[in-house]
C-alpha atoms as a PDB file:
ATOM      1  CA  MET A   1     -30.981  16.320  -3.560  1.00  0.00           C
ATOM      2  CA  SER A   2     -28.763  14.776  -0.899  1.00  0.00           C
ATOM      3  CA  ALA A   3     -27.604  16.852   2.073  1.00  0.00           C
ATOM      4  CA  ALA A   4     -24.061  15.574   1.607  1.00  0.00           C
ATOM      5  CA  SER A   5     -21.694  14.243  -0.955  1.00  0.00           C
ATOM      6  CA  PRO A   6     -19.598  11.142  -0.350  1.00  0.00           C
ATOM      7  CA  VAL A   7     -15.877  11.426   0.163  1.00  0.00           C
ATOM      8  CA  HIS A   8     -14.350   9.998  -2.997  1.00  0.00           C
ATOM      9  CA  GLY A   9     -11.205   7.958  -3.186  1.00  0.00           C
ATOM     10  CA  ILE A  10     -10.087   5.216  -0.874  1.00  0.00           C
ATOM     11  CA  GLU A  11     -12.681   2.836   0.506  1.00  0.00           C
ATOM     12  CA  GLU A  12     -13.144   3.751   4.143  1.00  0.00           C
ATOM     13  CA  ARG A  13     -14.262   2.151   7.304  1.00  0.00           C
ATOM     14  CA  LEU A  14     -16.425   3.953   9.791  1.00  0.00           C
ATOM     15  CA  LEU A  15     -16.319   3.769  13.567  1.00  0.00           C
ATOM     16  CA  THR A  16     -19.879   3.621  14.860  1.00  0.00           C
ATOM     17  CA  PHE A  17     -20.882   4.749  18.345  1.00  0.00           C
ATOM     18  CA  GLU A  18     -23.926   5.799  20.345  1.00  0.00           C
ATOM     19  CA  ILE A  19     -24.797   9.162  21.809  1.00  0.00           C
ATOM     20  CA  GLY A  20     -28.145   9.424  23.545  1.00  0.00           C
ATOM     21  CA  GLY A  21     -29.455   6.239  21.940  1.00  0.00           C
ATOM     22  CA  SER A  22     -28.653   7.408  18.390  1.00  0.00           C
ATOM     23  CA  VAL A  23     -25.947   5.749  16.315  1.00  0.00           C
ATOM     24  CA  HIS A  24     -23.322   7.990  14.717  1.00  0.00           C
ATOM     25  CA  ALA A  25     -20.228   7.246  12.639  1.00  0.00           C
ATOM     26  CA  LEU A  26     -16.915   8.869  11.797  1.00  0.00           C
ATOM     27  CA  PRO A  27     -14.255   7.795   9.305  1.00  0.00           C
ATOM     28  CA  ILE A  28     -11.808   5.674  11.312  1.00  0.00           C
ATOM     29  CA  ALA A  29      -8.941   7.577   9.637  1.00  0.00           C
ATOM     30  CA  CYS A  30      -9.972  10.663  11.654  1.00  0.00           C
ATOM     31  CA  VAL A  31     -10.176   8.828  14.988  1.00  0.00           C
ATOM     32  CA  ILE A  32      -6.761   8.982  16.620  1.00  0.00           C
ATOM     33  CA  GLU A  33      -7.718   7.000  19.674  1.00  0.00           C
ATOM     34  CA  VAL A  34     -10.630   5.678  21.703  1.00  0.00           C
ATOM     35  CA  THR A  35      -9.867   6.268  25.362  1.00  0.00           C
ATOM     36  CA  ALA A  36     -11.614   5.870  28.679  1.00  0.00           C
ATOM     37  CA  VAL A  37     -12.996   9.059  30.161  1.00  0.00           C
ATOM     38  CA  GLN A  38     -10.281  10.632  32.303  1.00  0.00           C
ATOM     39  CA  PRO A  39     -10.840  13.239  35.017  1.00  0.00           C
ATOM     40  CA  LEU A  40     -12.183  16.388  33.371  1.00  0.00           C
ATOM     41  CA  SER A  41     -11.113  19.897  34.346  1.00  0.00           C
ATOM     42  CA  CYS A  42     -12.913  23.153  33.774  1.00  0.00           C
ATOM     43  CA  ILE A  43     -11.449  25.767  31.479  1.00  0.00           C
ATOM     44  CA  PRO A  44     -11.422  29.008  33.523  1.00  0.00           C
ATOM     45  CA  THR A  45     -12.740  31.167  30.672  1.00  0.00           C
ATOM     46  CA  LEU A  46     -15.478  28.765  29.544  1.00  0.00           C
ATOM     47  CA  ALA A  47     -18.699  27.642  31.133  1.00  0.00           C
ATOM     48  CA  PRO A  48     -18.326  23.978  32.215  1.00  0.00           C
ATOM     49  CA  ASN A  49     -21.514  23.121  30.300  1.00  0.00           C
ATOM     50  CA  THR A  50     -19.700  24.095  27.083  1.00  0.00           C
ATOM     51  CA  ALA A  51     -16.303  22.434  27.203  1.00  0.00           C
ATOM     52  CA  VAL A  52     -13.765  20.938  29.563  1.00  0.00           C
ATOM     53  CA  VAL A  53     -10.257  19.579  29.134  1.00  0.00           C
ATOM     54  CA  MET A  54      -8.876  16.121  29.699  1.00  0.00           C
ATOM     55  CA  ASN A  55      -5.274  15.026  30.110  1.00  0.00           C
ATOM     56  CA  HIS A  56      -4.370  13.113  26.960  1.00  0.00           C
ATOM     57  CA  HIS A  57      -0.790  11.830  27.105  1.00  0.00           C
ATOM     58  CA  GLY A  58       0.329  15.013  28.872  1.00  0.00           C
ATOM     59  CA  ASP A  59      -1.561  17.433  26.608  1.00  0.00           C
ATOM     60  CA  ALA A  60      -4.780  19.284  27.404  1.00  0.00           C
ATOM     61  CA  LEU A  61      -7.438  17.844  25.093  1.00  0.00           C
ATOM     62  CA  PRO A  62     -10.543  20.027  24.662  1.00  0.00           C
ATOM     63  CA  VAL A  63     -13.683  17.940  25.188  1.00  0.00           C
ATOM     64  CA  LEU A  64     -16.950  19.559  24.150  1.00  0.00           C
ATOM     65  CA  ARG A  65     -20.186  18.504  25.752  1.00  0.00           C
ATOM     66  CA  ARG A  66     -22.344  16.338  23.498  1.00  0.00           C
ATOM     67  CA  SER A  67     -25.090  18.961  23.634  1.00  0.00           C
ATOM     68  CA  ALA A  68     -22.771  21.364  21.784  1.00  0.00           C
ATOM     69  CA  PHE A  69     -22.991  19.166  18.670  1.00  0.00           C
ATOM     70  CA  PHE A  70     -26.311  17.410  18.919  1.00  0.00           C
ATOM     71  CA  ASP A  71     -29.847  18.325  19.874  1.00  0.00           C
ATOM     72  CA  VAL A  72     -29.689  16.581  23.250  1.00  0.00           C
ATOM     73  CA  GLU A  73     -29.818  17.685  26.855  1.00  0.00           C
ATOM     74  CA  GLU A  74     -26.592  16.686  28.563  1.00  0.00           C
ATOM     75  CA  GLU A  75     -28.407  15.904  31.818  1.00  0.00           C
ATOM     76  CA  SER A  76     -30.583  13.308  30.065  1.00  0.00           C
ATOM     77  CA  LEU A  77     -27.592  11.405  28.647  1.00  0.00           C
ATOM     78  CA  PRO A  78     -25.765   8.573  30.358  1.00  0.00           C
ATOM     79  CA  VAL A  79     -22.289   9.282  31.700  1.00  0.00           C
ATOM     80  CA  PRO A  80     -19.987   8.839  28.690  1.00  0.00           C
ATOM     81  CA  ALA A  81     -17.966   5.634  28.699  1.00  0.00           C
ATOM     82  CA  HIS A  82     -15.359   6.726  26.154  1.00  0.00           C
ATOM     83  CA  VAL A  83     -13.859   9.778  24.525  1.00  0.00           C
ATOM     84  CA  LEU A  84     -13.004   9.676  20.841  1.00  0.00           C
ATOM     85  CA  VAL A  85      -9.856  11.666  20.152  1.00  0.00           C
ATOM     86  CA  ILE A  86     -10.506  12.976  16.669  1.00  0.00           C
ATOM     87  CA  THR A  87      -8.823  15.165  14.114  1.00  0.00           C
ATOM     88  CA  PRO A  88     -10.624  16.979  11.278  1.00  0.00           C
ATOM     89  CA  ARG A  89      -8.669  15.275   8.483  1.00  0.00           C
ATOM     90  CA  PRO A  90      -6.771  11.995   8.140  1.00  0.00           C
ATOM     91  CA  THR A  91      -3.681  14.139   7.519  1.00  0.00           C
ATOM     92  CA  GLY A  92      -4.062  15.827  10.909  1.00  0.00           C
ATOM     93  CA  GLY A  93      -5.156  19.062  12.470  1.00  0.00           C
ATOM     94  CA  ALA A  94      -6.286  20.182  15.896  1.00  0.00           C
ATOM     95  CA  ARG A  95      -7.370  17.374  18.200  1.00  0.00           C
ATOM     96  CA  LEU A  96     -10.744  17.307  19.860  1.00  0.00           C
ATOM     97  CA  GLY A  97     -12.398  14.974  22.347  1.00  0.00           C
ATOM     98  CA  LEU A  98     -15.911  13.717  21.643  1.00  0.00           C
ATOM     99  CA  PRO A  99     -17.557  11.880  24.571  1.00  0.00           C
ATOM    100  CA  VAL A 100     -19.637   8.879  23.525  1.00  0.00           C
ATOM    101  CA  ASP A 101     -21.968   6.556  25.416  1.00  0.00           C
ATOM    102  CA  ARG A 102     -20.842   3.335  23.772  1.00  0.00           C
ATOM    103  CA  ILE A 103     -18.685   2.087  20.894  1.00  0.00           C
ATOM    104  CA  VAL A 104     -20.732  -0.036  18.467  1.00  0.00           C
ATOM    105  CA  GLY A 105     -17.915  -1.130  16.108  1.00  0.00           C
ATOM    106  CA  LEU A 106     -16.305  -0.783  12.701  1.00  0.00           C
ATOM    107  CA  VAL A 107     -18.294  -0.984   9.476  1.00  0.00           C
ATOM    108  CA  GLU A 108     -17.419  -0.668   5.815  1.00  0.00           C
ATOM    109  CA  GLY A 109     -18.407   2.634   4.263  1.00  0.00           C
ATOM    110  CA  ALA A 110     -17.255   6.027   3.134  1.00  0.00           C
ATOM    111  CA  GLY A 111     -17.431   9.224   5.112  1.00  0.00           C
ATOM    112  CA  ALA A 112     -19.404  12.213   3.911  1.00  0.00           C
ATOM    113  CA  VAL A 113     -18.919  15.950   3.634  1.00  0.00           C
ATOM    114  CA  ALA A 114     -21.584  18.171   5.183  1.00  0.00           C
ATOM    115  CA  ARG A 115     -23.143  20.824   2.985  1.00  0.00           C
ATOM    116  CA  THR A 116     -24.646  22.693   5.915  1.00  0.00           C
ATOM    117  CA  THR A 117     -23.267  23.964   9.203  1.00  0.00           C
ATOM    118  CA  HIS A 118     -24.517  20.888  11.078  1.00  0.00           C
ATOM    119  CA  PRO A 119     -21.953  18.107  11.708  1.00  0.00           C
ATOM    120  CA  VAL A 120     -24.324  15.367  10.491  1.00  0.00           C
ATOM    121  CA  ALA A 121     -23.455  15.036   6.811  1.00  0.00           C
ATOM    122  CA  GLU A 122     -26.020  12.358   5.987  1.00  0.00           C
ATOM    123  CA  ARG A 123     -28.075   9.542   7.419  1.00  0.00           C
ATOM    124  CA  ARG A 124     -27.653   6.007   6.099  1.00  0.00           C
ATOM    125  CA  SER A 125     -28.951   2.567   6.921  1.00  0.00           C
ATOM    126  CA  ILE A 126     -26.047   0.407   8.103  1.00  0.00           C
ATOM    127  CA  ASP A 127     -26.604  -3.101   9.433  1.00  0.00           C
ATOM    128  CA  GLY A 128     -30.314  -2.397   9.802  1.00  0.00           C
ATOM    129  CA  ARG A 129     -29.884   0.771  11.885  1.00  0.00           C
ATOM    130  CA  MET A 130     -30.127   4.392  10.824  1.00  0.00           C
ATOM    131  CA  VAL A 131     -26.677   5.921  11.302  1.00  0.00           C
ATOM    132  CA  SER A 132     -25.782   9.625  11.250  1.00  0.00           C
ATOM    133  CA  ILE A 133     -22.520  10.030   9.339  1.00  0.00           C
ATOM    134  CA  LEU A 134     -20.543  12.898  10.866  1.00  0.00           C
ATOM    135  CA  ASP A 135     -18.205  15.206   8.991  1.00  0.00           C
ATOM    136  CA  PRO A 136     -15.044  15.496  11.157  1.00  0.00           C
ATOM    137  CA  GLU A 137     -14.103  18.867   9.655  1.00  0.00           C
ATOM    138  CA  ARG A 138     -17.572  20.211  10.465  1.00  0.00           C
ATOM    139  CA  LEU A 139     -17.270  18.833  14.040  1.00  0.00           C
ATOM    140  CA  ALA A 140     -13.998  20.732  14.467  1.00  0.00           C
ATOM    141  CA  SER A 141     -15.556  23.877  12.989  1.00  0.00           C
ATOM    142  CA  VAL A 142     -18.588  23.667  15.282  1.00  0.00           C
ATOM    143  CA  ALA A 143     -16.287  23.118  18.272  1.00  0.00           C
ATOM    144  CA  GLN A 144     -14.275  26.210  17.391  1.00  0.00           C
ATOM    145  CA  GLU A 145     -17.439  28.298  16.942  1.00  0.00           C
ATOM    146  CA  VAL A 146     -18.917  27.111  20.267  1.00  0.00           C
ATOM    147  CA  ILE A 147     -15.708  27.915  22.125  1.00  0.00           C
ATOM    148  CA  GLU A 148     -15.380  31.330  20.474  1.00  0.00           C
ATOM    149  CA  ARG A 149     -19.018  32.237  21.311  1.00  0.00           C
ATOM    150  CA  SER A 150     -18.517  31.136  24.891  1.00  0.00           C
ATOM    151  CA  LEU A 151     -15.340  33.208  25.190  1.00  0.00           C
ATOM    152  CA  GLU A 152     -17.137  36.284  23.801  1.00  0.00           C
ATOM    153  CA  ARG A 153     -19.874  35.930  26.439  1.00  0.00           C
ATOM    154  CA  SER A 154     -17.319  35.688  29.237  1.00  0.00           C
ATOM    155  CA  GLU A 155     -15.580  38.961  28.327  1.00  0.00           C
END
């Protein structure tokens, strides 16, 4: 049985990008913008190794460390080149910044819905590379959980 079910409906395109040498993808409809990394500021109530904020058109955009989502050590990763400004659904929702090492490009394909608590909904071969398809709603949920746990520890 598959770990995810495809999102049905409109044919989608996926934005592919690298984090720590692995290729990931998100539905382009959930990517509001790809921006250069701006100066990052600590959030006083959170450990800086959890999340920071970045000025995004005058608003504070929460940016979670890549290690919060993926099984990687932040120190072993290259300095991120871009931040994806994402929303959990094409219709909107809270915005979140996801730092990425490199943008690979757009590919045809549908997103997927995770059936577990992990943001990787499924793995697929795309253009000869194994790509982890991320569930944007699960990413937002994981981000909220990480921030809430960090806040509880700081009290």
